[in-house]
Protein backbone atom coordinates (compact mmCIF):
# COMPACT_ATOMS: atom_id res chain seq x y z
CA MET A 1 15.29 -9.50 -13.00
CA THR A 2 16.14 -10.75 -9.52
CA SER A 3 13.30 -11.82 -7.27
CA PHE A 4 11.62 -10.37 -4.21
CA LEU A 5 13.13 -13.11 -2.08
CA THR A 6 16.63 -12.37 -3.36
CA HIS A 7 16.33 -8.73 -2.34
CA ARG A 8 14.67 -9.66 0.94
CA ALA A 9 17.80 -11.69 1.74
CA ARG A 10 19.96 -8.67 0.89
CA VAL A 11 17.98 -6.50 3.29
CA HIS A 12 18.84 -9.00 6.04
CA ASP A 13 22.51 -9.29 5.04
CA ALA A 14 24.42 -7.41 7.75
CA ARG A 15 27.61 -7.71 5.70
CA LEU A 16 26.28 -5.25 3.14
CA PRO A 17 26.48 -1.48 3.57
CA LEU A 18 23.28 0.00 4.94
CA HIS A 19 22.59 2.02 1.80
CA ARG A 20 22.61 -1.20 -0.26
CA ARG A 21 20.29 -2.95 2.17
CA HIS A 22 18.01 0.09 1.98
CA SER A 23 18.06 -0.01 -1.82
CA ALA A 24 17.18 -3.71 -1.68
CA LEU A 25 14.09 -2.79 0.36
CA ARG A 26 13.08 -0.35 -2.35
CA THR A 27 13.46 -3.08 -4.99
CA CYS A 28 11.19 -5.32 -2.90
CA LEU A 29 8.63 -2.51 -3.00
CA THR A 30 8.77 -2.41 -6.78
CA CYS A 31 7.70 -6.08 -6.68
CA PHE A 32 4.92 -5.68 -4.12
CA ALA A 33 3.49 -2.49 -2.62
CA PRO A 34 -0.18 -2.72 -1.55
CA TYR A 35 -0.52 1.06 -1.04
CA GLY A 36 1.67 2.03 -4.00
CA LEU A 37 5.44 2.42 -3.73
CA ARG A 38 5.61 5.82 -2.03
CA ALA A 39 2.74 5.27 0.39
CA THR A 40 3.86 1.73 1.26
CA TYR A 41 7.39 2.93 1.95
CA HIS A 42 6.04 5.76 4.10
CA HIS A 43 3.90 3.23 5.98
CA LEU A 44 6.92 1.01 6.62
CA THR A 45 9.00 3.90 7.95
CA LEU A 46 6.32 4.36 10.60
CA SER A 47 5.41 0.74 11.36
CA ALA A 48 9.04 -0.48 11.43
CA ALA A 49 10.28 2.76 13.00
CA ILE A 50 12.98 3.32 10.37
CA PRO A 51 15.03 6.24 11.70
CA ARG A 52 16.27 9.14 9.64
CA ARG A 53 19.84 7.87 10.12
CA LEU A 54 19.83 4.16 9.30
CA GLU A 55 22.89 3.67 11.52
CA ALA A 56 20.72 4.46 14.54
CA ASP A 57 18.73 1.21 14.09
CA PRO A 58 19.87 -1.08 11.23
CA ASP A 59 17.40 -3.76 12.33
CA ALA A 60 14.54 -1.48 11.27
CA LEU A 61 15.15 -2.47 7.64
CA ALA A 62 14.67 -6.14 8.53
CA ARG A 63 11.45 -5.35 10.38
CA ALA A 64 10.16 -3.45 7.36
CA VAL A 65 10.93 -6.14 4.79
CA GLU A 66 9.42 -8.84 7.02
CA GLU A 67 6.15 -6.94 7.30
CA LEU A 68 6.14 -6.62 3.52
CA HIS A 69 6.99 -10.31 3.11
CA GLU A 70 4.21 -11.40 5.48
CA ALA A 71 1.63 -9.50 3.42
CA ARG A 72 3.07 -10.77 0.14
CA VAL A 73 2.74 -14.41 1.26
CA LEU A 74 -0.98 -13.84 1.92
CA TRP A 75 -1.42 -12.10 -1.43
CA ARG A 76 0.38 -14.83 -3.37
CA ALA A 77 -1.76 -17.55 -1.81
CA ARG A 78 -4.97 -15.71 -2.77
CA ALA A 79 -3.65 -14.85 -6.24
CA GLU A 80 -2.80 -18.50 -6.92
CA GLU A 81 -6.34 -19.46 -5.92
CA PHE A 82 -7.67 -16.87 -8.34
CA VAL A 83 -5.51 -18.20 -11.17
CA ALA A 84 -6.79 -21.73 -10.57
CA GLN A 85 -10.36 -20.41 -10.45
CA ARG A 86 -9.95 -18.54 -13.75
CA ARG A 87 -8.54 -21.63 -15.45
CA ALA A 88 -11.56 -23.61 -14.35
CA GLU A 89 -13.91 -20.87 -15.56
CA LYS A 90 -12.21 -20.69 -18.95
CA ARG A 91 -12.59 -24.45 -19.40
CA VAL A 92 -16.37 -24.00 -19.21
CA GLY A 93 -16.36 -20.96 -21.50
CA ARG A 94 -16.35 -18.05 -19.00
CA ARG A 95 -13.67 -15.77 -20.44
CA THR A 96 -14.60 -12.48 -18.79
CA VAL A 97 -13.10 -11.55 -15.42
CA ALA A 98 -15.73 -10.81 -12.82
CA ASN A 99 -16.36 -7.18 -11.87
CA PRO A 100 -15.01 -5.73 -9.68
CA ARG A 101 -11.61 -7.09 -10.59
CA PRO A 102 -9.46 -8.55 -7.80
CA TRP A 103 -7.83 -5.77 -5.82
CA TRP A 104 -4.30 -6.56 -7.00
CA LEU A 105 -5.30 -6.34 -10.69
CA ARG A 106 -6.66 -2.80 -10.44
CA ARG A 107 -4.51 0.06 -11.59
CA GLY A 108 -3.96 1.69 -8.25
CA TRP A 109 -4.07 5.31 -9.37
CA GLN A 110 -7.40 4.65 -11.10
CA GLY A 111 -9.00 2.82 -8.19
CA PRO A 112 -10.75 4.03 -5.04
CA GLY A 113 -7.38 4.19 -3.27
CA GLY A 114 -5.88 6.46 -5.90
CA ALA A 115 -5.39 9.16 -3.29
CA TRP A 116 -2.42 7.17 -1.93
CA TYR A 117 -0.58 7.83 -5.20
CA GLU A 118 -1.26 11.57 -4.95
CA ASP A 119 -0.78 11.91 -1.19
CA PRO A 120 1.39 9.11 0.27
CA PHE A 121 0.57 10.24 3.81
CA ARG A 122 -3.13 9.27 3.51
CA HIS A 123 -2.66 5.49 3.32
CA PRO A 124 -4.38 3.11 5.81
CA SER A 125 -2.71 2.68 9.18
CA LEU A 126 -3.32 -1.08 9.12
CA ARG A 127 -0.39 -3.47 9.16
CA LEU A 128 0.06 -4.58 5.55
CA SER A 129 -0.95 -8.17 6.29
CA GLU A 130 -4.19 -6.92 7.87
CA TYR A 131 -4.94 -4.82 4.80
CA VAL A 132 -4.37 -7.83 2.52
CA ARG A 133 -6.56 -10.04 4.72
CA ARG A 134 -9.28 -7.39 4.60
CA GLN A 135 -9.13 -7.10 0.81
CA ASN A 136 -9.14 -10.88 0.39
CA ALA A 137 -12.17 -11.19 2.67
CA ILE A 138 -14.07 -8.56 0.66
CA LEU A 139 -13.12 -10.35 -2.55
CA ASP A 140 -14.60 -13.53 -1.08
CA GLY A 141 -17.88 -11.75 -0.37
CA ALA A 142 -17.49 -10.62 3.24
CA ASP A 143 -19.48 -7.54 4.24
CA LEU A 144 -17.06 -5.76 6.54
CA PRO A 145 -17.98 -2.64 8.51
CA GLY A 146 -16.46 0.74 7.84
CA CYS A 147 -14.14 1.80 5.05
CA PRO A 148 -13.32 -1.12 2.72
CA ALA A 149 -9.64 -0.23 2.94
CA CYS A 150 -8.99 0.63 6.57
CA GLY A 151 -12.21 -0.07 8.49
CA ASP A 152 -12.69 3.54 9.65
CA GLU A 153 -16.36 3.94 10.57
CA ARG A 154 -16.52 7.73 10.80
CA PRO A 155 -18.74 9.71 8.41
CA LEU A 156 -17.15 10.29 5.02
CA GLU A 157 -15.33 13.55 4.32
CA PRO A 158 -16.62 15.71 1.40
CA HIS A 159 -13.92 16.66 -1.09
CA SER A 160 -14.29 19.11 -3.96
CA THR A 161 -13.28 17.94 -7.43
CA GLY A 162 -13.58 21.43 -8.91
CA HIS A 163 -16.93 20.78 -10.50
CA GLY A 164 -18.60 18.60 -7.89
CA TRP A 165 -17.98 16.61 -4.74
CA VAL A 166 -16.86 13.14 -3.79
CA GLU A 167 -16.76 11.63 -0.33
CA LEU A 168 -13.51 10.24 1.05
CA CYS A 169 -12.70 8.08 4.05
CA ARG A 170 -11.40 10.29 6.85
CA GLY A 171 -8.84 7.66 7.77
CA CYS A 172 -7.21 6.94 4.41
CA ALA A 173 -8.92 9.02 1.66
CA TRP A 174 -10.44 5.90 0.03
CA ALA A 175 -13.26 6.93 -2.32
CA PRO A 176 -16.11 4.40 -1.94
CA VAL A 177 -18.18 6.22 -4.57
CA PRO A 178 -16.51 7.79 -7.64
CA CYS A 179 -17.26 11.26 -8.91
CA PRO A 180 -20.59 11.42 -10.83
CA CYS A 181 -18.67 12.48 -13.95
CA GLY A 182 -17.03 9.05 -14.00
CA GLN A 183 -13.50 10.46 -14.05
CA GLN A 184 -10.71 10.13 -11.50
CA HIS A 185 -9.51 13.37 -9.94
CA ARG A 186 -6.19 14.29 -8.42
CA LEU A 187 -6.11 14.74 -4.66
CA VAL A 188 -3.99 17.75 -3.76
CA PRO A 189 -1.97 16.80 -0.66
CA GLU A 190 -2.64 18.79 2.49
CA LEU A 191 1.12 18.81 3.11
CA PRO A 192 3.47 19.32 0.15
CA TYR A 193 5.98 16.53 -0.25
CA GLY A 194 8.71 15.24 -2.48
CA TRP A 195 9.70 11.62 -3.04
CA LYS A 196 13.30 12.51 -2.21
CA GLU A 197 12.25 13.80 1.21
CA ILE A 198 10.16 10.70 1.91
CA TRP A 199 13.01 8.42 0.76
CA GLN A 200 15.42 10.29 3.05
CA ARG A 201 12.87 10.02 5.90
CA VAL A 202 12.87 13.69 6.82
CA HIS A 203 9.57 12.91 8.57
CA MET A 204 11.40 10.64 11.06
CA ASN A 205 13.78 11.26 13.96
CA ASP A 206 16.83 9.17 14.81
CA ASP A 207 14.85 7.44 17.58
CA GLY A 208 12.45 5.98 15.01
CA LYS A 209 9.60 8.28 15.97
CA PRO A 210 7.85 10.70 13.61
CA ASN A 211 9.34 14.18 13.43
CA PRO A 212 6.63 16.54 14.71
CA HIS A 213 8.09 19.36 12.63
């Protein structure tokens, strides 16, 4: 399998057709996607202003992959520290990973940000590097205000599970407290969507701004 950096270089390669550079961006997302593949791609279309027609702004792909790369560098540095820490712990007999597990080791759809896998539009609005910095700080014991994911400090939003209620962040649908039954529940998107439509950026205009319709 080719690496993230190989595909990052392909995204930047102006000699390649735009559809191949776009596909290279998707491959980068299969290597690293803090919000999950669909939600992270949707985020990048907004933050990098990727237009519906790639020909309208080819440089948008480079902006997107660089934001992803910036966040990945931060994650890799913290992950390498964690690996070194775990080796040291194992040498003294501590085999069990501390709970909660580091944010990048959680199965996303089973974690408090699982809503991003059900509704890709509800991801944090933070730049990806800021999200990674926030998660790393929490992992290191920082007590940050607001939602652990996005920092939103508004009151939580009640959401019915069908047999009870959970409370979700109004900014990104993060669930700080799981359902009392202990199970994860699907979040039905407020707006129906299809991955094909997101991939084709029907939510964007050719000027790189969101389509209000």
